[in-house]
Amino acid sequence: MTASSQKVALVTGAARGIGLAVAKRFLADGWRVALLDVLGEPLAKSVAALARPDDTLALTCDVSDAGAVALACAEIERRFERLDALINNAGVAVFEPLMETSDADWSRVLAVNLTGPFLCTKATVPLMRHHGGGAIVNITSISGLRASTLRSAYGTSKAGLAHLTKQLAVELAELGIRVNGVAPGPVDTAMAKAVHSAEIRADYHDAIPLNRYGLEEELAEAVYFLCSDRASYITGQILAVDGGFDAAGIGLPTLRGARRNG
C-alpha cells in the first residue's frame, strides 16, 4: 500500500483518554492519524510514545478557534494529501449547579463541545469530498440523552452535538460523507477518575446493567466501526456505548440483591 492510498483520520482531543485510544485503534489497522489537542506538551509526549513518525502528525490547536482549525487542516492536506475520517472528540466539562455555573464557563463549554465540531467539520469536508467522501464521528455523551445534576452546560452542549450529528448526516450524505455519534456512558478516563468520588462511582454501578465503567478501548472500537466500510449504510445515528445505562430505570441494586439471595 502506498502512502497516498493509506486512509487518514483526524482525531481531536487526542493527547490522552478516549481520543488517544481512538488514534491507536486506527493506527493498528494501517491508517495514518493526525492527532490534535489544545495541550501541546502532553500531545507531543503521546505522539512520541506511539513511535510511528511516518504515520502520525501532532497538531496543537483549540477547536473553537476557526483560524487555528483551518491552519491545522491545511497541514493535514500538506502532509497526508487526504482525509477519510474526522473524530470530533475534544471536549471540556464544568460540573456545577446551575446558579454556580458562570457565564464564562457556559460559553467555553459550548464553544469547545458544540462549536468546535461545527468548525472542524466545515474545515474538513472539502478535503473529504475531494477524495470521494468519508466518515465523521462526534463523541457526544450519555449526558446529552439523560439529564443529570451539575450538567446544565455540559449536558446541553452534548445534546446539541447529538442533534448537529443528525443535521450533518442529512446534509452531507450527497457528498458521500456519513455522520454518526457515539455517546459514552461512564468511562475510566483520567477525567472520570479525578472528578468521580467513591460515592459517585457506586451510584453509577447501581445504574449500569453491566455493573462497571467502560474502557477507553471499547469506545475506540465503536468509533472505528462507524468509520469503517462495515458501517457503509449507517448515518445519522447516535450509538450509546454505556453498559446499558440509558436503557435502565430504577431498581437494579434491589434486583441484584434478590438474585444474590435467591
Protein backbone atom coordinates (compact mmCIF):
# COMPACT_ATOMS: atom_id res chain seq x y z
CA MET A 1 0.00 0.00 0.00
CA THR A 2 1.43 3.35 -1.00
CA ALA A 3 1.37 6.26 1.42
CA SER A 4 -1.07 8.17 -0.78
CA SER A 5 -3.54 5.27 -0.70
CA GLN A 6 -3.47 4.87 3.08
CA LYS A 7 -6.56 6.22 4.75
CA VAL A 8 -6.17 9.18 7.10
CA ALA A 9 -8.10 10.08 10.25
CA LEU A 10 -8.14 13.29 12.26
CA VAL A 11 -8.81 12.81 15.97
CA THR A 12 -9.38 15.88 18.14
CA GLY A 13 -8.72 15.81 21.87
CA ALA A 14 -6.14 13.12 21.16
CA ALA A 15 -3.46 13.79 23.77
CA ARG A 16 -4.98 11.28 26.17
CA GLY A 17 -8.07 9.31 27.11
CA ILE A 18 -10.64 8.27 24.54
CA GLY A 19 -9.03 10.34 21.79
CA LEU A 20 -5.64 8.68 22.18
CA ALA A 21 -7.27 5.23 22.34
CA VAL A 22 -9.11 6.03 19.10
CA ALA A 23 -5.87 7.12 17.43
CA LYS A 24 -4.19 3.87 18.47
CA ARG A 25 -7.09 1.83 17.07
CA PHE A 26 -6.83 3.49 13.66
CA LEU A 27 -3.05 3.10 13.58
CA ALA A 28 -3.42 -0.59 14.41
CA ASP A 29 -5.44 -1.08 11.24
CA GLY A 30 -2.99 0.69 8.95
CA TRP A 31 -4.42 4.20 8.92
CA ARG A 32 -2.36 7.37 9.27
CA VAL A 33 -3.60 9.67 12.00
CA ALA A 34 -3.46 13.38 12.72
CA LEU A 35 -3.74 13.88 16.48
CA LEU A 36 -4.98 17.30 17.54
CA ASP A 37 -5.17 18.76 21.01
CA VAL A 38 -5.01 22.14 22.74
CA LEU A 39 -2.46 20.70 25.20
CA GLY A 40 0.75 20.84 23.21
CA GLU A 41 3.19 19.18 25.62
CA PRO A 42 1.04 16.15 26.55
CA LEU A 43 0.19 15.74 22.86
CA ALA A 44 3.87 15.73 21.86
CA LYS A 45 4.65 13.13 24.52
CA SER A 46 1.77 10.89 23.44
CA VAL A 47 2.69 11.08 19.77
CA ALA A 48 6.34 10.36 20.55
CA ALA A 49 5.29 7.33 22.60
CA LEU A 50 3.35 5.97 19.61
CA ALA A 51 6.69 5.74 17.76
CA ARG A 52 5.03 5.98 14.36
CA PRO A 53 6.57 9.17 12.92
CA ASP A 54 5.68 8.37 9.31
CA ASP A 55 2.04 7.72 10.16
CA THR A 56 1.27 10.40 12.74
CA LEU A 57 1.01 14.17 12.82
CA ALA A 58 0.72 16.23 16.02
CA LEU A 59 -1.34 19.42 15.77
CA THR A 60 -1.68 21.83 18.67
CA CYS A 61 -4.98 23.63 18.19
CA ASP A 62 -8.03 25.00 20.00
CA VAL A 63 -11.02 23.60 18.14
CA SER A 64 -13.10 26.66 18.99
CA ASP A 65 -10.70 28.87 17.01
CA ALA A 66 -11.78 28.80 13.36
CA GLY A 67 -8.48 30.22 12.11
CA ALA A 68 -6.41 27.67 14.01
CA VAL A 69 -8.62 24.84 12.77
CA ALA A 70 -8.18 25.99 9.17
CA LEU A 71 -4.40 26.03 9.56
CA ALA A 72 -4.43 22.55 11.10
CA CYS A 73 -6.47 21.18 8.21
CA ALA A 74 -4.10 22.79 5.72
CA GLU A 75 -1.23 20.99 7.44
CA ILE A 76 -3.08 17.67 7.17
CA GLU A 77 -3.56 18.23 3.45
CA ARG A 78 0.09 19.18 3.01
CA ARG A 79 1.38 16.16 4.95
CA PHE A 80 -1.10 13.42 4.06
CA GLU A 81 -2.89 14.80 0.96
CA ARG A 82 -6.24 13.32 2.00
CA LEU A 83 -8.66 12.85 4.87
CA ASP A 84 -11.09 9.96 5.27
CA ALA A 85 -12.39 10.30 8.82
CA LEU A 86 -12.92 13.02 11.41
CA ILE A 87 -13.48 12.14 15.04
CA ASN A 88 -14.72 15.15 17.00
CA ASN A 89 -13.66 14.09 20.47
CA ALA A 90 -12.26 17.29 22.02
CA GLY A 91 -14.37 18.44 24.93
CA VAL A 92 -14.37 20.22 28.25
CA ALA A 93 -16.60 19.74 31.26
CA VAL A 94 -17.83 22.00 34.03
CA PHE A 95 -19.80 20.20 36.73
CA GLU A 96 -21.55 22.87 38.78
CA PRO A 97 -25.12 23.64 39.88
CA LEU A 98 -26.95 25.98 37.52
CA MET A 99 -26.68 29.01 39.79
CA GLU A 100 -22.94 28.45 40.25
CA THR A 101 -22.22 27.99 36.53
CA SER A 102 -20.61 31.20 35.36
CA ASP A 103 -21.43 32.81 32.03
CA ALA A 104 -17.80 32.31 31.03
CA ASP A 105 -17.91 28.58 31.82
CA TRP A 106 -21.17 28.18 29.89
CA SER A 107 -19.69 29.92 26.86
CA ARG A 108 -16.44 27.93 26.97
CA VAL A 109 -18.20 24.56 27.22
CA LEU A 110 -20.48 25.39 24.28
CA ALA A 111 -17.56 26.80 22.29
CA VAL A 112 -15.44 23.66 22.60
CA ASN A 113 -18.08 20.92 22.72
CA LEU A 114 -20.51 22.23 20.10
CA THR A 115 -18.91 24.99 18.06
CA GLY A 116 -15.66 23.02 17.85
CA PRO A 117 -17.17 20.08 15.95
CA PHE A 118 -19.08 22.54 13.73
CA LEU A 119 -15.84 24.32 12.81
CA CYS A 120 -13.83 21.13 12.36
CA THR A 121 -16.50 19.64 10.14
CA LYS A 122 -16.69 22.73 7.93
CA ALA A 123 -12.91 22.78 7.60
CA THR A 124 -12.51 19.10 6.72
CA VAL A 125 -15.46 18.50 4.39
CA PRO A 126 -13.70 19.92 1.30
CA LEU A 127 -10.76 17.54 1.74
CA MET A 128 -13.04 14.54 2.33
CA ARG A 129 -15.21 15.45 -0.63
CA HIS A 130 -12.17 15.71 -2.90
CA HIS A 131 -11.39 12.04 -2.29
CA GLY A 132 -14.94 10.73 -2.63
CA GLY A 133 -16.32 11.07 0.86
CA GLY A 134 -15.59 9.78 4.33
CA ALA A 135 -16.98 9.43 7.81
CA ILE A 136 -17.42 11.73 10.79
CA VAL A 137 -17.99 10.53 14.34
CA ASN A 138 -18.95 13.00 17.04
CA ILE A 139 -18.30 11.98 20.63
CA THR A 140 -21.44 13.07 22.43
CA SER A 141 -22.31 11.75 25.87
CA ILE A 142 -24.96 9.88 27.75
CA SER A 143 -25.41 13.27 29.49
CA GLY A 144 -26.84 14.51 26.20
CA LEU A 145 -29.51 11.80 26.31
CA ARG A 146 -30.35 11.80 30.01
CA ALA A 147 -30.49 14.81 32.30
CA SER A 148 -28.38 14.77 35.43
CA THR A 149 -27.34 17.14 38.17
CA LEU A 150 -24.47 19.60 37.70
CA ARG A 151 -24.55 19.35 33.91
CA SER A 152 -26.58 22.30 32.61
CA ALA A 153 -23.70 23.38 30.36
CA TYR A 154 -22.07 20.02 29.60
CA GLY A 155 -25.28 18.07 29.02
CA THR A 156 -26.77 20.82 26.86
CA SER A 157 -23.62 21.01 24.73
CA LYS A 158 -23.68 17.27 24.15
CA ALA A 159 -27.40 17.22 23.38
CA GLY A 160 -26.77 19.95 20.83
CA LEU A 161 -23.93 17.92 19.34
CA ALA A 162 -26.20 14.90 19.01
CA HIS A 163 -28.69 16.97 17.02
CA LEU A 164 -25.91 18.55 14.96
CA THR A 165 -24.85 14.99 14.11
CA LYS A 166 -28.23 14.30 12.54
CA GLN A 167 -28.29 17.64 10.72
CA LEU A 168 -24.86 16.96 9.24
CA ALA A 169 -25.78 13.41 8.29
CA VAL A 170 -28.69 14.64 6.22
CA GLU A 171 -26.80 17.46 4.55
CA LEU A 172 -23.50 15.69 3.84
CA ALA A 173 -24.89 12.38 2.59
CA GLU A 174 -24.91 13.58 -1.01
CA LEU A 175 -21.16 14.19 -0.71
CA GLY A 176 -20.55 10.60 0.38
CA ILE A 177 -19.87 11.63 3.98
CA ARG A 178 -21.54 9.64 6.74
CA VAL A 179 -22.01 11.28 10.16
CA ASN A 180 -22.73 9.39 13.36
CA GLY A 181 -22.30 9.89 17.08
CA VAL A 182 -21.00 7.77 19.92
CA ALA A 183 -22.45 8.55 23.35
CA PRO A 184 -20.17 7.21 26.06
CA GLY A 185 -21.51 6.36 29.45
CA PRO A 186 -19.14 6.41 32.42
CA VAL A 187 -15.64 5.57 31.14
CA ASP A 188 -12.49 5.04 33.17
CA THR A 189 -10.65 8.07 31.85
CA ALA A 190 -8.28 10.32 33.78
CA MET A 191 -11.03 12.96 33.97
CA ALA A 192 -13.53 10.49 35.45
CA LYS A 193 -11.01 9.29 38.00
CA ALA A 194 -10.37 12.90 39.01
CA VAL A 195 -13.98 14.03 39.43
CA HIS A 196 -15.90 10.86 40.34
CA SER A 197 -15.81 10.22 44.07
CA ALA A 198 -16.24 6.75 45.50
CA GLU A 199 -19.89 7.59 46.18
CA ILE A 200 -20.49 8.69 42.58
CA ARG A 201 -18.80 5.56 41.25
CA ALA A 202 -21.05 3.44 43.45
CA ASP A 203 -24.11 5.30 42.15
CA TYR A 204 -23.07 4.61 38.57
CA HIS A 205 -22.53 0.93 39.27
CA ASP A 206 -26.03 0.82 40.74
CA ALA A 207 -27.43 2.26 37.48
CA ILE A 208 -25.42 0.32 34.88
CA PRO A 209 -26.71 -3.16 33.95
CA LEU A 210 -23.19 -4.35 33.05
CA ASN A 211 -22.13 -3.12 36.51
CA ARG A 212 -18.84 -1.45 35.54
CA TYR A 213 -17.32 1.58 33.87
CA GLY A 214 -16.44 1.31 30.21
CA LEU A 215 -12.91 1.18 28.88
CA GLU A 216 -11.38 3.70 26.51
CA GLU A 217 -10.59 0.86 24.12
CA GLU A 218 -14.26 -0.15 24.00
CA LEU A 219 -15.20 3.36 22.89
CA ALA A 220 -12.42 3.27 20.30
CA GLU A 221 -13.81 0.07 18.79
CA ALA A 222 -17.24 1.65 18.34
CA VAL A 223 -15.73 4.74 16.73
CA TYR A 224 -13.58 2.68 14.39
CA PHE A 225 -16.54 0.56 13.32
CA LEU A 226 -18.59 3.63 12.41
CA CYS A 227 -15.72 4.95 10.28
CA SER A 228 -15.12 1.63 8.54
CA ASP A 229 -16.66 0.21 5.40
CA ARG A 230 -18.60 -2.21 7.59
CA ALA A 231 -20.81 0.74 8.57
CA SER A 232 -21.30 1.90 4.98
CA TYR A 233 -25.10 2.16 5.29
CA ILE A 234 -25.18 3.76 8.75
CA THR A 235 -25.55 7.50 9.11
CA GLY A 236 -27.40 9.91 11.38
CA GLN A 237 -27.26 7.56 14.37
CA ILE A 238 -26.21 8.03 17.99
CA LEU A 239 -24.74 4.83 19.42
CA ALA A 240 -24.77 4.71 23.21
CA VAL A 241 -21.72 2.81 24.46
CA ASP A 242 -22.75 2.82 28.07
CA GLY A 243 -23.17 -0.67 29.51
CA GLY A 244 -26.95 -0.28 29.30
CA PHE A 245 -27.10 2.90 31.41
CA ASP A 246 -29.51 4.72 29.11
CA ALA A 247 -31.83 1.73 28.93
CA ALA A 248 -32.09 1.13 32.67
CA GLY A 249 -34.62 2.55 35.08
CA ILE A 250 -34.59 2.14 38.82
CA GLY A 251 -34.28 -1.00 40.92
CA LEU A 252 -31.03 -2.58 39.74
CA PRO A 253 -29.50 -2.85 43.22
CA THR A 254 -32.65 -4.50 44.54
CA LEU A 255 -32.79 -6.87 41.57
CA ARG A 256 -29.17 -7.86 42.07
CA GLY A 257 -29.79 -8.37 45.78
CA ALA A 258 -32.73 -10.63 45.03
CA ARG A 259 -30.61 -12.64 42.65
CA ARG A 260 -27.80 -12.94 45.18
CA ASN A 261 -30.19 -14.08 47.89
CA GLY A 262 -32.33 -16.27 45.70
